[in-house]
């Protein structure tokens, strides 16, 4: 009888939180096809709590991109090579991740948009949609990298809050509730404050509203405490605790931002609000119960970019100010 030698896979995604969530289907699918092999995940410092205690991941490698970026990059390149991976699958499209990939000594797979993709063994197209009726979701694009290693079936993102995470949010689940995540890294992806106020007022006081966000979102959330039924949890919950809370909500209102992807990963009901961006870029909600809300006004300036801006390039920000509260509500606040 010969000795079994497990294969070693590394997935690289060092972008934002939502991008990490949208890379988790690769973990799900690789684990299904290679149940006894090693699967590691490399991400940027600050995102590691998202995959903490993930049952399908053997190790999470953390690259600090904020302090001593170049030195830490070299250390990570050495660490990845030392681990002797068989496959490195890079879903990130920047040169730094490309360096880690090509120096790994592994069989390398990535997107053709990576500046070093010419040195990958496999380089696949990453096409952002321009047609609202025909486009690929980012999850489909990511999964295309491992079609040859697995199959072409779609797999949804998935996160695994711990029992401690569910215990932490249990007191907030004692009555029917809605969550709202009003912030975004990019201002032009963020619904205007007065629209959040209108939405909260339209919900009334019959349902509790929890405002979710990072510590830096506290000021924004505290400015929305317009009645006793609204409670800000910004900075009080971890990412996985927020995901666990979203899972039990009647509805989760989110921007085109990381909380939308948290909802998708928990298959939680979600209303995704698009201001400067559009769903056909391929980053829309994937929950079974999901709605997309956009301004009904035809704006020639929309979309103004793939990721949004710190301010409206034209100064009017009509894409966020012209969404009627009736569209935001729909029937969502009345059903589970």
C-alpha atoms as a PDB file:
ATOM      1  CA  UNK A   1       0.000   0.000   0.000  1.00  0.00           C
ATOM      2  CA  UNK A   2       1.426   3.396  -0.987  1.00  0.00           C
ATOM      3  CA  UNK A   3       1.434   6.521   1.102  1.00  0.00           C
ATOM      4  CA  UNK A   4      -1.285   9.092   0.412  1.00  0.00           C
ATOM      5  CA  UNK A   5       0.144  12.532  -0.323  1.00  0.00           C
ATOM      6  CA  UNK A   6      -2.456  15.273   0.131  1.00  0.00           C
ATOM      7  CA  UNK A   7      -2.538  18.114  -2.361  1.00  0.00           C
ATOM      8  CA  UNK A   8      -2.161  21.664  -1.090  1.00  0.00           C
ATOM      9  CA  UNK A   9      -4.300  24.533  -2.388  1.00  0.00           C
ATOM     10  CA  UNK A  10      -3.933  28.260  -1.679  1.00  0.00           C
ATOM     11  CA  UNK A  11      -6.622  30.813  -2.545  1.00  0.00           C
ATOM     12  CA  UNK A  12      -5.504  34.457  -2.655  1.00  0.00           C
ATOM     13  CA  UNK A  13      -7.902  37.383  -2.225  1.00  0.00           C
ATOM     14  CA  UNK A  14      -6.348  40.437  -0.582  1.00  0.00           C
ATOM     15  CA  UNK A  15      -9.000  43.029  -1.514  1.00  0.00           C
ATOM     16  CA  UNK A  16     -11.972  44.250   0.542  1.00  0.00           C
ATOM     17  CA  UNK A  17     -14.295  42.310   2.850  1.00  0.00           C
ATOM     18  CA  UNK A  18     -16.956  41.735   0.229  1.00  0.00           C
ATOM     19  CA  UNK A  19     -14.381  40.366  -2.185  1.00  0.00           C
ATOM     20  CA  UNK A  20     -13.293  37.803   0.413  1.00  0.00           C
ATOM     21  CA  UNK A  21     -16.902  36.693   0.888  1.00  0.00           C
ATOM     22  CA  UNK A  22     -17.298  36.295  -2.876  1.00  0.00           C
ATOM     23  CA  UNK A  23     -14.227  34.049  -2.943  1.00  0.00           C
ATOM     24  CA  UNK A  24     -15.626  31.594  -0.363  1.00  0.00           C
ATOM     25  CA  UNK A  25     -17.440  29.523  -3.032  1.00  0.00           C
ATOM     26  CA  UNK A  26     -13.993  28.360  -4.165  1.00  0.00           C
ATOM     27  CA  UNK A  27     -13.444  26.966  -0.685  1.00  0.00           C
ATOM     28  CA  UNK A  28     -16.821  25.215  -0.721  1.00  0.00           C
ATOM     29  CA  UNK A  29     -16.268  23.627  -4.106  1.00  0.00           C
ATOM     30  CA  UNK A  30     -12.639  22.622  -3.623  1.00  0.00           C
ATOM     31  CA  UNK A  31     -13.507  21.005  -0.291  1.00  0.00           C
ATOM     32  CA  UNK A  32     -16.343  19.070  -1.922  1.00  0.00           C
ATOM     33  CA  UNK A  33     -14.004  17.706  -4.602  1.00  0.00           C
ATOM     34  CA  UNK A  34     -10.894  17.344  -2.444  1.00  0.00           C
ATOM     35  CA  UNK A  35     -12.209  16.476   1.032  1.00  0.00           C
ATOM     36  CA  UNK A  36      -8.884  15.206   2.392  1.00  0.00           C
ATOM     37  CA  UNK A  37      -6.564  17.796   0.874  1.00  0.00           C
ATOM     38  CA  UNK A  38      -5.261  21.039   2.342  1.00  0.00           C
ATOM     39  CA  UNK A  39      -6.981  24.355   1.557  1.00  0.00           C
ATOM     40  CA  UNK A  40      -5.470  27.625   2.824  1.00  0.00           C
ATOM     41  CA  UNK A  41      -6.632  31.206   2.258  1.00  0.00           C
ATOM     42  CA  UNK A  42      -4.487  34.351   2.014  1.00  0.00           C
ATOM     43  CA  UNK A  43      -6.115  37.712   2.764  1.00  0.00           C
ATOM     44  CA  UNK A  44      -5.206  41.199   3.956  1.00  0.00           C
ATOM     45  CA  UNK A  45      -4.878  42.095   7.624  1.00  0.00           C
ATOM     46  CA  UNK A  46      -8.214  43.302   8.974  1.00  0.00           C
ATOM     47  CA  UNK A  47     -10.284  40.701   7.129  1.00  0.00           C
ATOM     48  CA  UNK A  48      -9.080  37.608   8.968  1.00  0.00           C
ATOM     49  CA  UNK A  49     -11.973  37.567  11.456  1.00  0.00           C
ATOM     50  CA  UNK A  50     -14.300  36.765   8.549  1.00  0.00           C
ATOM     51  CA  UNK A  51     -12.756  33.306   8.117  1.00  0.00           C
ATOM     52  CA  UNK A  52     -11.991  32.701  11.771  1.00  0.00           C
ATOM     53  CA  UNK A  53     -12.625  29.057  12.662  1.00  0.00           C
ATOM     54  CA  UNK A  54     -13.908  28.361   9.132  1.00  0.00           C
ATOM     55  CA  UNK A  55     -14.466  24.588   9.178  1.00  0.00           C
ATOM     56  CA  UNK A  56     -13.361  24.031   5.569  1.00  0.00           C
ATOM     57  CA  UNK A  57     -10.137  26.081   5.701  1.00  0.00           C
ATOM     58  CA  UNK A  58      -6.951  24.645   7.165  1.00  0.00           C
ATOM     59  CA  UNK A  59      -5.038  27.905   7.618  1.00  0.00           C
ATOM     60  CA  UNK A  60      -5.600  31.628   7.048  1.00  0.00           C
ATOM     61  CA  UNK A  61      -2.503  33.559   5.976  1.00  0.00           C
ATOM     62  CA  UNK A  62      -2.620  37.268   6.824  1.00  0.00           C
ATOM     63  CA  UNK A  63      -0.690  39.885   4.870  1.00  0.00           C
ATOM     64  CA  UNK A  64      -0.334  43.315   6.515  1.00  0.00           C
ATOM     65  CA  UNK A  65      -0.588  45.737   3.587  1.00  0.00           C
ATOM     66  CA  UNK A  66      -0.766  48.881   5.736  1.00  0.00           C
ATOM     67  CA  UNK A  67       2.549  48.782   7.616  1.00  0.00           C
ATOM     68  CA  UNK A  68       5.876  47.907   5.984  1.00  0.00           C
ATOM     69  CA  UNK A  69       3.979  46.718   2.909  1.00  0.00           C
ATOM     70  CA  UNK A  70       7.013  45.791   0.822  1.00  0.00           C
ATOM     71  CA  UNK A  71       8.818  44.007   3.636  1.00  0.00           C
ATOM     72  CA  UNK A  72       5.688  42.105   4.588  1.00  0.00           C
ATOM     73  CA  UNK A  73       5.122  41.247   0.933  1.00  0.00           C
ATOM     74  CA  UNK A  74       8.562  39.677   0.714  1.00  0.00           C
ATOM     75  CA  UNK A  75       7.940  37.737   3.933  1.00  0.00           C
ATOM     76  CA  UNK A  76       4.617  36.471   2.591  1.00  0.00           C
ATOM     77  CA  UNK A  77       6.216  35.453  -0.711  1.00  0.00           C
ATOM     78  CA  UNK A  78       8.768  33.411   1.240  1.00  0.00           C
ATOM     79  CA  UNK A  79       6.085  31.888   3.491  1.00  0.00           C
ATOM     80  CA  UNK A  80       3.919  30.824   0.551  1.00  0.00           C
ATOM     81  CA  UNK A  81       6.887  29.258  -1.225  1.00  0.00           C
ATOM     82  CA  UNK A  82       7.941  27.504   1.995  1.00  0.00           C
ATOM     83  CA  UNK A  83       4.530  25.830   2.258  1.00  0.00           C
ATOM     84  CA  UNK A  84       5.013  24.105  -1.118  1.00  0.00           C
ATOM     85  CA  UNK A  85       1.516  24.422  -2.519  1.00  0.00           C
ATOM     86  CA  UNK A  86       0.471  22.336  -5.484  1.00  0.00           C
ATOM     87  CA  UNK A  87      -2.019  24.962  -6.710  1.00  0.00           C
ATOM     88  CA  UNK A  88      -2.189  28.696  -6.084  1.00  0.00           C
ATOM     89  CA  UNK A  89      -5.488  30.213  -7.214  1.00  0.00           C
ATOM     90  CA  UNK A  90      -5.337  34.000  -7.304  1.00  0.00           C
ATOM     91  CA  UNK A  91      -8.650  35.844  -7.638  1.00  0.00           C
ATOM     92  CA  UNK A  92      -7.026  39.209  -6.918  1.00  0.00           C
ATOM     93  CA  UNK A  93      -6.070  41.383  -9.880  1.00  0.00           C
ATOM     94  CA  UNK A  94      -3.148  43.456  -8.570  1.00  0.00           C
ATOM     95  CA  UNK A  95       0.582  43.036  -9.137  1.00  0.00           C
ATOM     96  CA  UNK A  96       1.448  42.350  -5.484  1.00  0.00           C
ATOM     97  CA  UNK A  97      -0.717  39.233  -5.367  1.00  0.00           C
ATOM     98  CA  UNK A  98       0.700  38.301  -8.752  1.00  0.00           C
ATOM     99  CA  UNK A  99       4.211  38.348  -7.293  1.00  0.00           C
ATOM    100  CA  UNK A 100       3.163  36.018  -4.482  1.00  0.00           C
ATOM    101  CA  UNK A 101       1.583  33.740  -7.071  1.00  0.00           C
ATOM    102  CA  UNK A 102       4.420  33.492  -9.596  1.00  0.00           C
ATOM    103  CA  UNK A 103       7.058  33.028  -6.877  1.00  0.00           C
ATOM    104  CA  UNK A 104       5.086  30.268  -5.138  1.00  0.00           C
ATOM    105  CA  UNK A 105       6.583  27.367  -7.071  1.00  0.00           C
ATOM    106  CA  UNK A 106       3.053  26.020  -7.520  1.00  0.00           C
ATOM    107  CA  UNK A 107       0.797  25.496 -10.531  1.00  0.00           C
ATOM    108  CA  UNK A 108      -0.691  28.987 -10.842  1.00  0.00           C
ATOM    109  CA  UNK A 109      -4.191  30.059 -11.899  1.00  0.00           C
ATOM    110  CA  UNK A 110      -5.570  33.595 -12.077  1.00  0.00           C
ATOM    111  CA  UNK A 111      -7.281  36.296 -14.093  1.00  0.00           C
ATOM    112  CA  UNK A 112      -5.813  37.880 -17.195  1.00  0.00           C
ATOM    113  CA  UNK A 113      -6.256  41.337 -15.628  1.00  0.00           C
ATOM    114  CA  UNK A 114      -3.456  40.623 -13.181  1.00  0.00           C
ATOM    115  CA  UNK A 115      -0.329  42.442 -14.454  1.00  0.00           C
ATOM    116  CA  UNK A 116       1.706  39.241 -13.990  1.00  0.00           C
ATOM    117  CA  UNK A 117      -0.864  36.887 -15.532  1.00  0.00           C
ATOM    118  CA  UNK A 118       1.459  36.116 -18.467  1.00  0.00           C
ATOM    119  CA  UNK A 119       3.513  34.103 -15.998  1.00  0.00           C
ATOM    120  CA  UNK A 120       0.556  32.064 -14.704  1.00  0.00           C
ATOM    121  CA  UNK A 121       0.077  28.500 -15.955  1.00  0.00           C
ATOM    122  CA  UNK A 122      -3.601  29.340 -16.496  1.00  0.00           C
ATOM    123  CA  UNK A 123      -4.927  32.833 -17.169  1.00  0.00           C
ATOM    124  CA  UNK A 124      -8.673  33.355 -17.500  1.00  0.00           C
ATOM    125  CA  UNK A 125     -10.760  36.363 -18.590  1.00  0.00           C
ATOM    126  CA  UNK A 126     -12.431  38.602 -16.023  1.00  0.00           C
ATOM    127  CA  UNK A 127     -15.202  40.436 -17.866  1.00  0.00           C
ATOM    128  CA  UNK A 128     -17.272  43.111 -16.130  1.00  0.00           C
ATOM    129  CA  UNK A 129     -20.806  43.193 -17.529  1.00  0.00           C
ATOM    130  CA  UNK A 130     -22.210  46.034 -19.615  1.00  0.00           C
ATOM    131  CA  UNK A 131     -25.547  44.430 -20.520  1.00  0.00           C
ATOM    132  CA  UNK A 132     -28.233  44.289 -17.788  1.00  0.00           C
ATOM    133  CA  UNK A 133     -29.677  41.100 -19.331  1.00  0.00           C
ATOM    134  CA  UNK A 134     -26.463  39.162 -19.928  1.00  0.00           C
ATOM    135  CA  UNK A 135     -23.716  39.271 -17.352  1.00  0.00           C
ATOM    136  CA  UNK A 136     -21.710  37.035 -15.052  1.00  0.00           C
ATOM    137  CA  UNK A 137     -21.765  37.383 -11.300  1.00  0.00           C
ATOM    138  CA  UNK A 138     -18.397  37.810  -9.619  1.00  0.00           C
ATOM    139  CA  UNK A 139     -18.911  34.401  -8.004  1.00  0.00           C
ATOM    140  CA  UNK A 140     -19.249  32.853 -11.473  1.00  0.00           C
ATOM    141  CA  UNK A 141     -16.096  34.643 -12.583  1.00  0.00           C
ATOM    142  CA  UNK A 142     -14.216  33.391  -9.528  1.00  0.00           C
ATOM    143  CA  UNK A 143     -15.462  29.833  -9.914  1.00  0.00           C
ATOM    144  CA  UNK A 144     -14.360  29.800 -13.559  1.00  0.00           C
ATOM    145  CA  UNK A 145     -10.777  29.596 -12.280  1.00  0.00           C
ATOM    146  CA  UNK A 146     -11.374  26.108 -10.890  1.00  0.00           C
ATOM    147  CA  UNK A 147     -13.771  24.685 -13.472  1.00  0.00           C
ATOM    148  CA  UNK A 148     -11.058  22.360 -14.715  1.00  0.00           C
ATOM    149  CA  UNK A 149     -10.319  21.153 -11.179  1.00  0.00           C
ATOM    150  CA  UNK A 150     -13.993  20.710 -10.228  1.00  0.00           C
ATOM    151  CA  UNK A 151     -17.062  21.332 -12.413  1.00  0.00           C
ATOM    152  CA  UNK A 152     -19.116  24.222 -13.779  1.00  0.00           C
ATOM    153  CA  UNK A 153     -21.894  24.191 -11.163  1.00  0.00           C
ATOM    154  CA  UNK A 154     -22.678  27.378  -9.247  1.00  0.00           C
ATOM    155  CA  UNK A 155     -21.984  27.526  -5.502  1.00  0.00           C
ATOM    156  CA  UNK A 156     -23.172  30.324  -3.241  1.00  0.00           C
ATOM    157  CA  UNK A 157     -20.885  32.179  -0.802  1.00  0.00           C
ATOM    158  CA  UNK A 158     -21.017  30.841   2.742  1.00  0.00           C
ATOM    159  CA  UNK A 159     -19.808  31.977   6.156  1.00  0.00           C
ATOM    160  CA  UNK A 160     -19.765  30.071   9.429  1.00  0.00           C
ATOM    161  CA  UNK A 161     -20.535  32.090  12.565  1.00  0.00           C
ATOM    162  CA  UNK A 162     -19.653  30.155  15.706  1.00  0.00           C
ATOM    163  CA  UNK A 163     -21.999  29.135  18.498  1.00  0.00           C
ATOM    164  CA  UNK A 164     -20.505  31.994  20.510  1.00  0.00           C
ATOM    165  CA  UNK A 165     -21.460  34.399  17.712  1.00  0.00           C
ATOM    166  CA  UNK A 166     -25.059  33.185  17.746  1.00  0.00           C
ATOM    167  CA  UNK A 167     -25.109  33.384  21.541  1.00  0.00           C
ATOM    168  CA  UNK A 168     -23.901  36.993  21.390  1.00  0.00           C
ATOM    169  CA  UNK A 169     -26.748  38.122  19.116  1.00  0.00           C
ATOM    170  CA  UNK A 170     -29.493  35.949  20.654  1.00  0.00           C
ATOM    171  CA  UNK A 171     -30.816  38.783  22.896  1.00  0.00           C
ATOM    172  CA  UNK A 172     -31.395  40.943  19.826  1.00  0.00           C
ATOM    173  CA  UNK A 173     -33.563  38.255  18.236  1.00  0.00           C
ATOM    174  CA  UNK A 174     -36.277  38.149  20.895  1.00  0.00           C
ATOM    175  CA  UNK A 175     -38.652  40.264  18.778  1.00  0.00           C
ATOM    176  CA  UNK A 176     -39.142  40.698  15.017  1.00  0.00           C
ATOM    177  CA  UNK A 177     -36.469  42.997  13.620  1.00  0.00           C
ATOM    178  CA  UNK A 178     -34.963  44.578  10.544  1.00  0.00           C
ATOM    179  CA  UNK A 179     -31.323  45.484  10.012  1.00  0.00           C
ATOM    180  CA  UNK A 180     -29.993  48.450   8.077  1.00  0.00           C
ATOM    181  CA  UNK A 181     -26.364  48.948   7.090  1.00  0.00           C
ATOM    182  CA  UNK A 182     -26.225  52.593   6.005  1.00  0.00           C
ATOM    183  CA  UNK A 183     -22.459  52.975   5.463  1.00  0.00           C
ATOM    184  CA  UNK A 184     -20.076  52.095   2.650  1.00  0.00           C
ATOM    185  CA  UNK A 185     -16.360  52.473   2.018  1.00  0.00           C
ATOM    186  CA  UNK A 186     -17.351  54.545  -1.025  1.00  0.00           C
ATOM    187  CA  UNK A 187     -19.642  57.524  -0.370  1.00  0.00           C
ATOM    188  CA  UNK A 188     -21.381  57.324  -3.759  1.00  0.00           C
ATOM    189  CA  UNK A 189     -22.462  53.756  -3.001  1.00  0.00           C
ATOM    190  CA  UNK A 190     -24.203  55.010   0.136  1.00  0.00           C
ATOM    191  CA  UNK A 191     -27.910  55.888   0.177  1.00  0.00           C
ATOM    192  CA  UNK A 192     -28.439  59.495   1.273  1.00  0.00           C
ATOM    193  CA  UNK A 193     -29.014  59.992   5.002  1.00  0.00           C
ATOM    194  CA  UNK A 194     -32.465  61.550   4.544  1.00  0.00           C
ATOM    195  CA  UNK A 195     -33.554  58.468   2.585  1.00  0.00           C
ATOM    196  CA  UNK A 196     -32.539  56.215   5.477  1.00  0.00           C
ATOM    197  CA  UNK A 197     -34.590  58.499   7.739  1.00  0.00           C
ATOM    198  CA  UNK A 198     -37.589  58.190   5.414  1.00  0.00           C
ATOM    199  CA  UNK A 199     -37.226  54.403   5.371  1.00  0.00           C
ATOM    200  CA  UNK A 200     -37.029  54.174   9.159  1.00  0.00           C
ATOM    201  CA  UNK A 201     -40.065  56.432   9.529  1.00  0.00           C
ATOM    202  CA  UNK A 202     -42.022  54.366   6.989  1.00  0.00           C
ATOM    203  CA  UNK A 203     -41.309  51.174   8.906  1.00  0.00           C
ATOM    204  CA  UNK A 204     -42.880  52.752  11.962  1.00  0.00           C
ATOM    205  CA  UNK A 205     -42.344  51.528  15.495  1.00  0.00           C
ATOM    206  CA  UNK A 206     -43.915  48.093  15.192  1.00  0.00           C
ATOM    207  CA  UNK A 207     -40.540  46.533  14.348  1.00  0.00           C
ATOM    208  CA  UNK A 208     -37.135  46.954  15.907  1.00  0.00           C
ATOM    209  CA  UNK A 209     -34.464  48.370  13.586  1.00  0.00           C
ATOM    210  CA  UNK A 210     -30.816  47.506  14.212  1.00  0.00           C
ATOM    211  CA  UNK A 211     -28.203  49.679  12.533  1.00  0.00           C
ATOM    212  CA  UNK A 212     -25.063  47.723  11.649  1.00  0.00           C
ATOM    213  CA  UNK A 213     -21.598  48.980  10.835  1.00  0.00           C
ATOM    214  CA  UNK A 214     -17.956  49.220  11.801  1.00  0.00           C
ATOM    215  CA  UNK A 215     -16.621  51.391  14.633  1.00  0.00           C
ATOM    216  CA  UNK A 216     -16.033  54.182  12.106  1.00  0.00           C
ATOM    217  CA  UNK A 217     -19.747  54.149  11.205  1.00  0.00           C
ATOM    218  CA  UNK A 218     -20.955  55.042  14.709  1.00  0.00           C
ATOM    219  CA  UNK A 219     -21.511  58.727  13.970  1.00  0.00           C
ATOM    220  CA  UNK A 220     -23.573  57.955  10.867  1.00  0.00           C
ATOM    221  CA  UNK A 221     -25.667  55.374  12.701  1.00  0.00           C
ATOM    222  CA  UNK A 222     -26.198  57.532  15.783  1.00  0.00           C
ATOM    223  CA  UNK A 223     -27.559  60.232  13.497  1.00  0.00           C
ATOM    224  CA  UNK A 224     -30.324  57.804  12.496  1.00  0.00           C
ATOM    225  CA  UNK A 225     -31.624  57.133  16.025  1.00  0.00           C
ATOM    226  CA  UNK A 226     -34.857  58.972  15.312  1.00  0.00           C
ATOM    227  CA  UNK A 227     -37.203  56.881  17.446  1.00  0.00           C
ATOM    228  CA  UNK A 228     -36.939  54.460  20.394  1.00  0.00           C
ATOM    229  CA  UNK A 229     -37.315  51.437  18.105  1.00  0.00           C
ATOM    230  CA  UNK A 230     -33.973  52.107  16.416  1.00  0.00           C
ATOM    231  CA  UNK A 231     -30.765  50.815  17.999  1.00  0.00           C
ATOM    232  CA  UNK A 232     -27.221  51.295  16.752  1.00  0.00           C
ATOM    233  CA  UNK A 233     -24.935  48.255  16.979  1.00  0.00           C
ATOM    234  CA  UNK A 234     -22.144  49.883  14.954  1.00  0.00           C
ATOM    235  CA  UNK A 235     -18.801  48.763  16.339  1.00  0.00           C
ATOM    236  CA  UNK A 236     -20.426  46.409  18.842  1.00  0.00           C
ATOM    237  CA  UNK A 237     -20.556  43.244  16.732  1.00  0.00           C
ATOM    238  CA  UNK A 238     -17.901  41.360  14.816  1.00  0.00           C
ATOM    239  CA  UNK A 239     -18.440  40.613  11.153  1.00  0.00           C
ATOM    240  CA  UNK A 240     -19.583  37.067  11.867  1.00  0.00           C
ATOM    241  CA  UNK A 241     -21.880  38.259  14.663  1.00  0.00           C
ATOM    242  CA  UNK A 242     -23.418  40.772  12.265  1.00  0.00           C
ATOM    243  CA  UNK A 243     -23.893  37.955   9.745  1.00  0.00           C
ATOM    244  CA  UNK A 244     -25.561  35.804  12.401  1.00  0.00           C
ATOM    245  CA  UNK A 245     -27.939  38.655  13.237  1.00  0.00           C
ATOM    246  CA  UNK A 246     -28.752  39.309   9.582  1.00  0.00           C
ATOM    247  CA  UNK A 247     -29.676  35.657   9.127  1.00  0.00           C
ATOM    248  CA  UNK A 248     -32.715  35.993  11.391  1.00  0.00           C
ATOM    249  CA  UNK A 249     -33.953  39.394  10.205  1.00  0.00           C
ATOM    250  CA  UNK A 250     -37.273  40.015   8.476  1.00  0.00           C
ATOM    251  CA  UNK A 251     -35.265  42.095   6.018  1.00  0.00           C
ATOM    252  CA  UNK A 252     -31.747  43.496   5.705  1.00  0.00           C
ATOM    253  CA  UNK A 253     -31.352  46.835   3.947  1.00  0.00           C
ATOM    254  CA  UNK A 254     -27.869  47.313   2.524  1.00  0.00           C
ATOM    255  CA  UNK A 255     -25.918  49.373   0.016  1.00  0.00           C
ATOM    256  CA  UNK A 256     -23.890  47.825  -2.786  1.00  0.00           C
ATOM    257  CA  UNK A 257     -21.254  47.023  -0.198  1.00  0.00           C
ATOM    258  CA  UNK A 258     -19.853  44.316   2.093  1.00  0.00           C
ATOM    259  CA  UNK A 259     -23.048  43.810   4.183  1.00  0.00           C
ATOM    260  CA  UNK A 260     -24.877  42.739   1.008  1.00  0.00           C
ATOM    261  CA  UNK A 261     -22.366  39.933   0.573  1.00  0.00           C
ATOM    262  CA  UNK A 262     -22.683  38.972   4.250  1.00  0.00           C
ATOM    263  CA  UNK A 263     -26.417  38.559   3.625  1.00  0.00           C
ATOM    264  CA  UNK A 264     -25.739  36.427   0.543  1.00  0.00           C
ATOM    265  CA  UNK A 265     -23.374  34.221   2.526  1.00  0.00           C
ATOM    266  CA  UNK A 266     -26.071  33.609   5.155  1.00  0.00           C
ATOM    267  CA  UNK A 267     -28.899  33.332   2.581  1.00  0.00           C
ATOM    268  CA  UNK A 268     -30.562  36.132   4.535  1.00  0.00           C
ATOM    269  CA  UNK A 269     -33.372  38.232   3.030  1.00  0.00           C
ATOM    270  CA  UNK A 270     -31.913  41.408   1.570  1.00  0.00           C
ATOM    271  CA  UNK A 271     -32.869  44.632  -0.159  1.00  0.00           C
ATOM    272  CA  UNK A 272     -29.810  45.881  -2.025  1.00  0.00           C
ATOM    273  CA  UNK A 273     -29.727  49.604  -2.794  1.00  0.00           C
ATOM    274  CA  UNK A 274     -27.706  50.753  -5.799  1.00  0.00           C
ATOM    275  CA  UNK A 275     -26.764  54.401  -6.111  1.00  0.00           C
ATOM    276  CA  UNK A 276     -23.781  55.161  -8.377  1.00  0.00           C
ATOM    277  CA  UNK A 277     -23.154  51.520  -9.333  1.00  0.00           C
ATOM    278  CA  UNK A 278     -25.353  48.961 -11.100  1.00  0.00           C
ATOM    279  CA  UNK A 279     -26.137  45.267 -10.494  1.00  0.00           C
ATOM    280  CA  UNK A 280     -24.945  44.121 -13.916  1.00  0.00           C
ATOM    281  CA  UNK A 281     -21.346  44.778 -12.918  1.00  0.00           C
ATOM    282  CA  UNK A 282     -21.828  41.344 -11.336  1.00  0.00           C
ATOM    283  CA  UNK A 283     -21.763  42.001  -7.603  1.00  0.00           C
ATOM    284  CA  UNK A 284     -25.479  41.689  -6.811  1.00  0.00           C
ATOM    285  CA  UNK A 285     -27.264  39.848  -3.975  1.00  0.00           C
ATOM    286  CA  UNK A 286     -27.527  36.056  -4.127  1.00  0.00           C
ATOM    287  CA  UNK A 287     -30.008  35.290  -1.340  1.00  0.00           C
ATOM    288  CA  UNK A 288     -33.159  33.362  -2.209  1.00  0.00           C
ATOM    289  CA  UNK A 289     -35.176  36.367  -0.991  1.00  0.00           C
ATOM    290  CA  UNK A 290     -33.563  39.441  -2.499  1.00  0.00           C
ATOM    291  CA  UNK A 291     -34.578  42.725  -4.071  1.00  0.00           C
ATOM    292  CA  UNK A 292     -32.562  45.300  -5.987  1.00  0.00           C
ATOM    293  CA  UNK A 293     -33.603  48.948  -5.707  1.00  0.00           C
ATOM    294  CA  UNK A 294     -32.336  51.715  -7.997  1.00  0.00           C
ATOM    295  CA  UNK A 295     -33.454  55.213  -8.895  1.00  0.00           C
ATOM    296  CA  UNK A 296     -36.272  55.205 -11.490  1.00  0.00           C
ATOM    297  CA  UNK A 297     -34.788  58.405 -12.957  1.00  0.00           C
ATOM    298  CA  UNK A 298     -32.740  57.904 -16.125  1.00  0.00           C
ATOM    299  CA  UNK A 299     -29.364  59.452 -15.356  1.00  0.00           C
ATOM    300  CA  UNK A 300     -26.791  59.671 -18.150  1.00  0.00           C
ATOM    301  CA  UNK A 301     -24.013  59.815 -15.565  1.00  0.00           C
ATOM    302  CA  UNK A 302     -24.947  56.465 -14.022  1.00  0.00           C
ATOM    303  CA  UNK A 303     -22.998  54.281 -13.527  1.00  0.00           C
ATOM    304  CA  UNK A 304     -20.097  56.653 -12.962  1.00  0.00           C
ATOM    305  CA  UNK A 305     -17.617  53.919 -12.064  1.00  0.00           C
ATOM    306  CA  UNK A 306     -17.092  50.362 -10.950  1.00  0.00           C
ATOM    307  CA  UNK A 307     -16.327  51.059  -7.293  1.00  0.00           C
ATOM    308  CA  UNK A 308     -17.857  54.438  -6.553  1.00  0.00           C
ATOM    309  CA  UNK A 309     -16.221  57.669  -5.393  1.00  0.00           C
ATOM    310  CA  UNK A 310     -15.656  59.672  -2.221  1.00  0.00           C
ATOM    311  CA  UNK A 311     -18.043  62.273  -3.644  1.00  0.00           C
ATOM    312  CA  UNK A 312     -20.372  62.616  -6.622  1.00  0.00           C
ATOM    313  CA  UNK A 313     -18.222  63.670  -9.622  1.00  0.00           C
ATOM    314  CA  UNK A 314     -21.001  66.034 -10.778  1.00  0.00           C
ATOM    315  CA  UNK A 315     -21.902  67.301  -7.320  1.00  0.00           C
ATOM    316  CA  UNK A 316     -25.646  66.498  -7.375  1.00  0.00           C
ATOM    317  CA  UNK A 317     -25.673  62.827  -6.261  1.00  0.00           C
ATOM    318  CA  UNK A 318     -29.113  62.341  -7.812  1.00  0.00           C
ATOM    319  CA  UNK A 319     -28.687  58.563  -7.948  1.00  0.00           C
ATOM    320  CA  UNK A 320     -28.995  58.469  -4.136  1.00  0.00           C
ATOM    321  CA  UNK A 321     -31.502  61.268  -3.639  1.00  0.00           C
ATOM    322  CA  UNK A 322     -34.127  60.159  -6.175  1.00  0.00           C
ATOM    323  CA  UNK A 323     -34.981  56.700  -4.847  1.00  0.00           C
ATOM    324  CA  UNK A 324     -38.576  56.808  -3.515  1.00  0.00           C
ATOM    325  CA  UNK A 325     -39.166  55.286  -0.092  1.00  0.00           C
ATOM    326  CA  UNK A 326     -41.996  53.224  -1.635  1.00  0.00           C
ATOM    327  CA  UNK A 327     -39.423  51.416  -3.746  1.00  0.00           C
ATOM    328  CA  UNK A 328     -37.236  50.829  -0.716  1.00  0.00           C
ATOM    329  CA  UNK A 329     -40.078  49.334   1.280  1.00  0.00           C
ATOM    330  CA  UNK A 330     -41.763  47.228  -1.370  1.00  0.00           C
ATOM    331  CA  UNK A 331     -43.516  44.411   0.483  1.00  0.00           C
ATOM    332  CA  UNK A 332     -40.271  43.563   2.246  1.00  0.00           C
ATOM    333  CA  UNK A 333     -41.114  44.788   5.721  1.00  0.00           C
ATOM    334  CA  UNK A 334     -44.282  42.723   5.810  1.00  0.00           C
ATOM    335  CA  UNK A 335     -42.908  39.276   5.022  1.00  0.00           C
ATOM    336  CA  UNK A 336     -40.161  36.936   6.083  1.00  0.00           C
END
